[in-house]
Protein backbone atom coordinates (compact mmCIF):
# COMPACT_ATOMS: atom_id res chain seq x y z
CA MET A 1 -0.13 -0.21 -0.07
CA GLY A 2 1.16 3.77 -0.89
CA PHE A 3 1.52 6.68 1.02
CA PHE A 4 -1.93 8.65 -0.03
CA THR A 5 -5.27 6.87 -0.64
CA LEU A 6 -7.70 8.54 -3.19
CA GLN A 7 -9.59 10.16 0.18
CA THR A 8 -6.29 11.42 1.57
CA ALA A 9 -4.65 12.46 -1.49
CA GLN A 10 -7.90 14.57 -1.77
CA ALA A 11 -7.65 16.24 1.23
CA GLN A 12 -4.06 18.06 0.61
CA LEU A 13 -6.27 19.47 -2.33
CA SER A 14 -9.14 20.79 -0.39
CA PRO A 15 -9.40 23.48 2.61
CA GLY A 16 -7.74 22.59 5.36
CA GLY A 17 -4.88 20.73 3.25
CA ASN A 18 -1.26 21.81 2.64
CA PHE A 19 -1.99 23.99 -0.34
CA GLY A 20 -3.39 27.47 -0.41
CA PRO A 21 -7.02 28.89 -1.51
CA TRP A 22 -5.86 29.72 -4.71
CA ILE A 23 -5.29 25.73 -5.50
CA TRP A 24 -8.98 25.28 -3.45
CA ASP A 25 -10.25 27.30 -6.03
CA LEU A 26 -9.11 25.15 -8.39
CA ALA A 27 -11.45 22.26 -7.47
CA LEU A 28 -8.79 19.42 -8.32
CA ARG A 29 -9.97 15.77 -8.44
CA VAL A 30 -7.71 12.97 -7.63
CA GLU A 31 -8.71 10.49 -9.35
CA GLU A 32 -6.02 7.70 -8.94
CA VAL A 33 -2.86 7.17 -6.94
CA SER A 34 -0.10 4.57 -7.38
CA PRO A 35 3.76 4.53 -6.45
CA GLU A 36 4.53 5.26 -10.88
CA ALA A 37 1.63 7.86 -11.45
CA LEU A 38 -0.90 9.99 -9.79
CA ARG A 39 -3.43 11.21 -12.19
CA VAL A 40 -5.35 14.84 -11.32
CA ARG A 41 -8.65 16.09 -13.09
CA LEU A 42 -9.19 19.87 -13.54
CA PRO A 43 -12.65 20.57 -13.88
CA PHE A 44 -13.53 23.42 -17.11
CA ASP A 45 -15.14 26.32 -15.26
CA GLU A 46 -15.41 29.73 -17.13
CA ARG A 47 -13.11 31.06 -14.50
CA ILE A 48 -9.81 29.85 -15.78
CA ALA A 49 -10.81 30.07 -19.95
CA ARG A 50 -9.91 32.42 -22.03
CA PRO A 51 -12.41 33.85 -24.29
CA GLY A 52 -13.51 30.94 -26.93
CA GLY A 53 -13.01 28.83 -23.86
CA VAL A 54 -9.47 28.14 -24.34
CA VAL A 55 -7.87 26.35 -20.77
CA ILE A 56 -5.65 29.34 -19.33
CA GLY A 57 -2.10 28.03 -18.99
CA GLN A 58 -1.40 29.39 -15.22
CA ALA A 59 -4.44 26.84 -14.30
CA MET A 60 -2.81 24.10 -16.30
CA MET A 61 0.76 25.31 -14.57
CA ALA A 62 -0.61 25.14 -11.12
CA MET A 63 -2.36 21.79 -11.51
CA ALA A 64 1.16 20.31 -12.90
CA ASP A 65 3.20 21.50 -9.78
CA THR A 66 0.64 20.72 -7.43
CA ALA A 67 0.50 17.09 -8.97
CA MET A 68 3.96 16.71 -9.18
CA VAL A 69 4.51 17.55 -5.11
CA LEU A 70 1.62 15.03 -4.22
CA ALA A 71 3.40 12.26 -6.77
CA ILE A 72 6.75 13.08 -5.30
CA CYS A 73 5.61 12.75 -1.66
CA GLU A 74 3.84 9.10 -2.15
CA LYS A 75 7.11 8.24 -3.97
CA LEU A 76 8.87 9.31 -0.78
CA GLY A 77 6.07 7.80 1.38
CA ARG A 78 5.47 10.74 3.57
CA PHE A 79 4.51 14.38 3.22
CA ALA A 80 7.38 16.21 2.56
CA THR A 81 8.15 19.64 2.57
CA LEU A 82 9.44 20.64 -1.72
CA ALA A 83 10.03 24.02 -3.14
CA THR A 84 10.12 24.17 -7.34
CA ILE A 85 13.15 25.09 -8.50
CA SER A 86 11.99 25.05 -12.13
CA GLN A 87 9.21 23.87 -14.09
CA THR A 88 9.06 23.93 -18.13
CA THR A 89 5.94 23.76 -19.87
CA ASN A 90 5.19 23.03 -23.42
CA PHE A 91 1.60 23.33 -24.77
CA LEU A 92 1.25 21.16 -27.59
CA ARG A 93 -2.36 22.01 -28.12
CA ALA A 94 -5.39 23.61 -26.82
CA ALA A 95 -8.04 22.56 -24.24
CA VAL A 96 -11.26 23.87 -25.17
CA ARG A 97 -14.64 23.85 -22.71
CA CYS A 98 -13.47 20.43 -21.60
CA ASP A 99 -11.65 19.08 -18.26
CA VAL A 100 -7.96 18.22 -18.28
CA ILE A 101 -6.45 15.37 -16.90
CA GLY A 102 -2.95 15.53 -15.52
CA VAL A 103 -1.14 12.43 -14.89
CA ALA A 104 2.32 13.03 -12.73
CA ARG A 105 5.36 10.68 -12.72
CA ALA A 106 8.18 11.24 -10.01
CA VAL A 107 11.22 10.25 -12.21
CA LYS A 108 13.88 10.48 -10.03
CA VAL A 109 13.81 11.21 -5.97
CA GLY A 110 16.83 11.92 -4.63
CA ARG A 111 17.44 12.97 -0.81
CA SER A 112 18.02 16.63 -2.04
CA THR A 113 16.46 16.93 -5.26
CA ALA A 114 13.35 15.62 -6.78
CA PHE A 115 12.92 14.98 -10.85
CA GLY A 116 8.90 14.74 -12.64
CA GLU A 117 6.85 15.12 -15.56
CA VAL A 118 3.13 15.81 -16.28
CA GLU A 119 1.69 14.86 -18.90
CA MET A 120 -1.58 16.60 -19.70
CA PHE A 121 -4.98 15.26 -21.88
CA VAL A 122 -8.19 16.33 -22.51
CA ASP A 123 -10.33 14.15 -20.87
CA GLY A 124 -11.88 11.36 -23.20
CA SER A 125 -8.65 11.47 -25.00
CA ALA A 126 -5.30 9.67 -25.20
CA GLU A 127 -3.05 12.45 -27.49
CA PRO A 128 -1.17 14.77 -24.97
CA ILE A 129 -1.87 18.71 -24.56
CA VAL A 130 0.43 20.06 -22.09
CA GLN A 131 4.09 18.31 -21.39
CA THR A 132 5.83 19.05 -17.79
CA LEU A 133 9.27 18.86 -16.29
CA SER A 134 9.73 19.93 -13.01
CA THR A 135 12.64 19.82 -10.77
CA PHE A 136 12.16 20.46 -6.82
CA ALA A 137 13.93 20.94 -3.69
CA VAL A 138 13.65 18.45 -1.16
CA LEU A 139 13.65 20.41 2.09
CA PRO A 140 15.06 18.53 5.35
CA ASP A 141 11.84 17.95 7.61
CA GLY A 142 10.55 20.41 9.76
CA ALA A 143 12.44 22.86 7.31
CA GLY A 144 10.72 26.03 6.16
CA ALA A 145 14.28 27.63 5.22
CA PHE A 146 14.33 28.79 1.76
CA ASN A 147 17.15 31.38 0.05
CA ARG A 148 15.22 34.48 0.27
CA ALA A 149 15.36 37.31 -1.60
CA ASP A 150 14.97 39.72 0.91
CA THR A 151 17.29 38.97 3.29
CA HIS A 152 19.83 40.37 0.97
CA ALA A 153 17.73 43.20 0.24
CA PRO A 154 19.85 46.70 0.63
CA THR A 155 19.54 49.24 3.36
CA SER A 156 18.16 52.47 3.54
CA PRO A 157 20.76 55.31 4.41
């Protein structure tokens, strides 16, 4: 048995989970969890669409980042503190007035760095519409320290 069940993974995406309100507002739904992959649905909503019903890239990129956190935690067998180092997203085709399905795979998970990929599809199609590659820092348990940009700010005279 893995770290997450469908219910515990879904709880992370809901109010009270480990993600912020902007993620809750996407109404992401976890559909499958396994050590190999995590499948998440981004339901279509006019609030995340451009004129004409094209699902916006920002929503899909947020879904990719969020799904990768869950996939990495599943692979680690614990809820880890992760920080996105990089995310490269290629938009291959538009999703128009339909749900987007993301399949996240933690490709390599080390002690301090994790690499993953997310492929996205429109609901009911096997043709990929988005590919995302990402790198995450795996921080020590209980750590909240990051290389903060504001710690090196010049002081006022």
